[in-house]
Amino acid sequence: MAGDRAAGMVNGAIIVGTVFAFPGIGTLIVGAVLNRDFALIQAAIFVVGVAVVVLNVLVDLTYALADPRVRLS
């Protein structure tokens, strides 16, 4: 459940940054889409995807440390 929440927080940061015009990844992605800057769009989506994967791995490792019944193998 925490992995889904972490992914939602990353995606929510993009939406909130766009709606409230905070300088960040959301504003960067929207500006790239409007300017048709495909390289920047690909890089931003890649960074967001890597952030979600890293957060999910960290959540899995934390869960394995917190619950001794869970094995990493």
N, C-alpha and C. Protein backbone atom coordinates (compact mmCIF):
# COMPACT_ATOMS: atom_id res chain seq x y z
N MET A 1 0.82 -1.18 0.00
CA MET A 1 0.00 0.00 0.00
C MET A 1 0.87 1.26 0.00
N ALA A 2 1.99 1.22 0.70
CA ALA A 2 2.86 2.39 0.78
C ALA A 2 3.50 2.69 -0.57
N GLY A 3 3.78 1.65 -1.35
CA GLY A 3 4.35 1.88 -2.68
C GLY A 3 3.39 2.62 -3.60
N ASP A 4 2.11 2.26 -3.51
CA ASP A 4 1.11 2.97 -4.31
C ASP A 4 0.97 4.41 -3.86
N ARG A 5 1.02 4.62 -2.56
CA ARG A 5 0.94 6.00 -2.05
C ARG A 5 2.14 6.83 -2.47
N ALA A 6 3.33 6.20 -2.47
CA ALA A 6 4.54 6.92 -2.89
C ALA A 6 4.45 7.31 -4.36
N ALA A 7 3.96 6.38 -5.20
CA ALA A 7 3.79 6.70 -6.62
C ALA A 7 2.75 7.79 -6.80
N GLY A 8 1.70 7.75 -6.00
CA GLY A 8 0.68 8.80 -6.07
C GLY A 8 1.22 10.15 -5.66
N MET A 9 2.13 10.16 -4.69
CA MET A 9 2.73 11.42 -4.27
C MET A 9 3.60 12.02 -5.38
N VAL A 10 4.35 11.18 -6.08
CA VAL A 10 5.18 11.68 -7.19
C VAL A 10 4.29 12.23 -8.29
N ASN A 11 3.27 11.47 -8.65
CA ASN A 11 2.36 11.94 -9.71
C ASN A 11 1.54 13.13 -9.25
N GLY A 12 1.17 13.16 -7.97
CA GLY A 12 0.44 14.30 -7.45
C GLY A 12 1.27 15.56 -7.43
N ALA A 13 2.57 15.41 -7.19
CA ALA A 13 3.45 16.58 -7.22
C ALA A 13 3.49 17.20 -8.62
N ILE A 14 3.40 16.37 -9.63
CA ILE A 14 3.37 16.88 -11.00
C ILE A 14 2.09 17.67 -11.24
N ILE A 15 0.97 17.13 -10.80
CA ILE A 15 -0.32 17.80 -11.02
C ILE A 15 -0.39 19.10 -10.21
N VAL A 16 -0.01 19.05 -8.95
CA VAL A 16 -0.07 20.24 -8.09
C VAL A 16 0.87 21.32 -8.62
N GLY A 17 2.07 20.92 -9.05
CA GLY A 17 3.01 21.89 -9.61
C GLY A 17 2.48 22.57 -10.85
N THR A 18 1.74 21.82 -11.65
CA THR A 18 1.16 22.40 -12.86
C THR A 18 0.00 23.33 -12.54
N VAL A 19 -0.89 22.88 -11.66
CA VAL A 19 -2.08 23.68 -11.36
C VAL A 19 -1.72 24.99 -10.67
N PHE A 20 -0.80 24.93 -9.71
CA PHE A 20 -0.45 26.13 -8.95
C PHE A 20 0.78 26.85 -9.50
N ALA A 21 1.28 26.42 -10.64
CA ALA A 21 2.41 27.06 -11.34
C ALA A 21 3.67 27.11 -10.48
N PHE A 22 3.89 26.04 -9.67
CA PHE A 22 5.15 25.93 -8.94
C PHE A 22 6.23 25.50 -9.92
N PRO A 23 7.42 26.10 -9.83
CA PRO A 23 8.49 25.64 -10.72
C PRO A 23 8.94 24.25 -10.28
N GLY A 24 8.79 23.30 -11.15
CA GLY A 24 9.15 21.93 -10.84
C GLY A 24 8.95 21.04 -12.04
N ILE A 25 8.88 19.75 -11.79
CA ILE A 25 8.79 18.78 -12.88
C ILE A 25 7.46 18.90 -13.62
N GLY A 26 6.38 19.24 -12.91
CA GLY A 26 5.08 19.37 -13.57
C GLY A 26 5.05 20.51 -14.57
N THR A 27 5.54 21.65 -14.15
CA THR A 27 5.61 22.80 -15.05
C THR A 27 6.55 22.53 -16.21
N LEU A 28 7.64 21.82 -15.93
CA LEU A 28 8.60 21.47 -16.97
C LEU A 28 7.97 20.57 -18.03
N ILE A 29 7.21 19.56 -17.58
CA ILE A 29 6.58 18.64 -18.53
C ILE A 29 5.52 19.35 -19.36
N VAL A 30 4.70 20.16 -18.74
CA VAL A 30 3.66 20.87 -19.48
C VAL A 30 4.27 21.84 -20.49
N GLY A 31 5.32 22.55 -20.09
CA GLY A 31 6.00 23.44 -21.02
C GLY A 31 6.63 22.69 -22.19
N ALA A 32 7.18 21.51 -21.90
CA ALA A 32 7.77 20.71 -22.97
C ALA A 32 6.71 20.20 -23.94
N VAL A 33 5.55 19.82 -23.41
CA VAL A 33 4.47 19.35 -24.28
C VAL A 33 3.97 20.50 -25.16
N LEU A 34 3.80 21.68 -24.57
CA LEU A 34 3.32 22.81 -25.35
C LEU A 34 4.32 23.25 -26.41
N ASN A 35 5.62 23.09 -26.13
CA ASN A 35 6.66 23.47 -27.09
C ASN A 35 7.09 22.32 -27.99
N ARG A 36 6.46 21.14 -27.80
CA ARG A 36 6.78 19.93 -28.58
C ARG A 36 8.26 19.58 -28.50
N ASP A 37 8.80 19.64 -27.30
CA ASP A 37 10.19 19.28 -27.06
C ASP A 37 10.23 17.81 -26.63
N PHE A 38 10.33 16.91 -27.62
CA PHE A 38 10.18 15.49 -27.35
C PHE A 38 11.31 14.92 -26.51
N ALA A 39 12.50 15.42 -26.67
CA ALA A 39 13.62 14.93 -25.87
C ALA A 39 13.41 15.25 -24.39
N LEU A 40 12.94 16.44 -24.11
CA LEU A 40 12.67 16.83 -22.72
C LEU A 40 11.50 16.06 -22.14
N ILE A 41 10.49 15.79 -22.94
CA ILE A 41 9.35 14.99 -22.48
C ILE A 41 9.83 13.60 -22.11
N GLN A 42 10.63 12.97 -22.96
CA GLN A 42 11.15 11.63 -22.69
C GLN A 42 11.99 11.61 -21.43
N ALA A 43 12.84 12.60 -21.27
CA ALA A 43 13.71 12.64 -20.09
C ALA A 43 12.89 12.84 -18.81
N ALA A 44 11.90 13.70 -18.85
CA ALA A 44 11.09 13.96 -17.66
C ALA A 44 10.27 12.73 -17.28
N ILE A 45 9.68 12.07 -18.26
CA ILE A 45 8.91 10.86 -17.99
C ILE A 45 9.82 9.76 -17.47
N PHE A 46 11.04 9.68 -18.00
CA PHE A 46 12.01 8.69 -17.51
C PHE A 46 12.37 8.97 -16.06
N VAL A 47 12.60 10.22 -15.71
CA VAL A 47 12.95 10.58 -14.34
C VAL A 47 11.80 10.25 -13.38
N VAL A 48 10.58 10.55 -13.78
CA VAL A 48 9.43 10.24 -12.94
C VAL A 48 9.28 8.73 -12.79
N GLY A 49 9.47 7.99 -13.86
CA GLY A 49 9.39 6.52 -13.79
C GLY A 49 10.46 5.93 -12.89
N VAL A 50 11.68 6.43 -12.99
CA VAL A 50 12.76 5.95 -12.13
C VAL A 50 12.46 6.29 -10.67
N ALA A 51 11.91 7.46 -10.42
CA ALA A 51 11.57 7.83 -9.05
C ALA A 51 10.53 6.89 -8.46
N VAL A 52 9.53 6.51 -9.25
CA VAL A 52 8.50 5.59 -8.78
C VAL A 52 9.09 4.21 -8.50
N VAL A 53 9.96 3.73 -9.39
CA VAL A 53 10.58 2.42 -9.19
C VAL A 53 11.47 2.43 -7.96
N VAL A 54 12.26 3.46 -7.79
CA VAL A 54 13.15 3.54 -6.62
C VAL A 54 12.34 3.61 -5.32
N LEU A 55 11.27 4.36 -5.32
CA LEU A 55 10.42 4.43 -4.13
C LEU A 55 9.79 3.07 -3.82
N ASN A 56 9.37 2.34 -4.84
CA ASN A 56 8.80 1.01 -4.61
C ASN A 56 9.85 0.04 -4.06
N VAL A 57 11.06 0.11 -4.55
CA VAL A 57 12.13 -0.75 -4.03
C VAL A 57 12.43 -0.40 -2.58
N LEU A 58 12.50 0.88 -2.27
CA LEU A 58 12.74 1.29 -0.88
C LEU A 58 11.62 0.84 0.05
N VAL A 59 10.39 0.92 -0.41
CA VAL A 59 9.27 0.45 0.40
C VAL A 59 9.36 -1.05 0.62
N ASP A 60 9.72 -1.82 -0.41
CA ASP A 60 9.86 -3.27 -0.27
C ASP A 60 10.98 -3.63 0.70
N LEU A 61 12.10 -2.93 0.61
CA LEU A 61 13.20 -3.21 1.52
C LEU A 61 12.85 -2.84 2.96
N THR A 62 12.17 -1.73 3.13
CA THR A 62 11.75 -1.32 4.46
C THR A 62 10.75 -2.33 5.05
N TYR A 63 9.86 -2.82 4.23
CA TYR A 63 8.91 -3.82 4.69
C TYR A 63 9.61 -5.11 5.09
N ALA A 64 10.62 -5.49 4.33
CA ALA A 64 11.39 -6.70 4.66
C ALA A 64 12.15 -6.53 5.97
N LEU A 65 12.61 -5.34 6.25
CA LEU A 65 13.31 -5.10 7.52
C LEU A 65 12.33 -5.02 8.70
N ALA A 66 11.15 -4.50 8.46
CA ALA A 66 10.17 -4.32 9.53
C ALA A 66 9.48 -5.61 9.92
N ASP A 67 9.27 -6.51 8.97
CA ASP A 67 8.56 -7.76 9.24
C ASP A 67 9.51 -8.93 9.02
N PRO A 68 9.91 -9.63 10.08
CA PRO A 68 10.89 -10.70 9.93
C PRO A 68 10.35 -11.91 9.17
N ARG A 69 9.05 -12.01 8.99
CA ARG A 69 8.49 -13.14 8.23
C ARG A 69 8.73 -13.01 6.74
N VAL A 70 9.01 -11.81 6.27
CA VAL A 70 9.22 -11.56 4.84
C VAL A 70 10.69 -11.80 4.52
N ARG A 71 10.92 -12.59 3.48
CA ARG A 71 12.29 -12.88 3.02
C ARG A 71 12.55 -12.13 1.72
N LEU A 72 13.79 -11.73 1.50
CA LEU A 72 14.16 -11.01 0.26
C LEU A 72 14.47 -11.95 -0.89
N SER A 73 14.56 -13.23 -0.64
CA SER A 73 14.94 -14.17 -1.70
C SER A 73 13.80 -14.59 -2.58
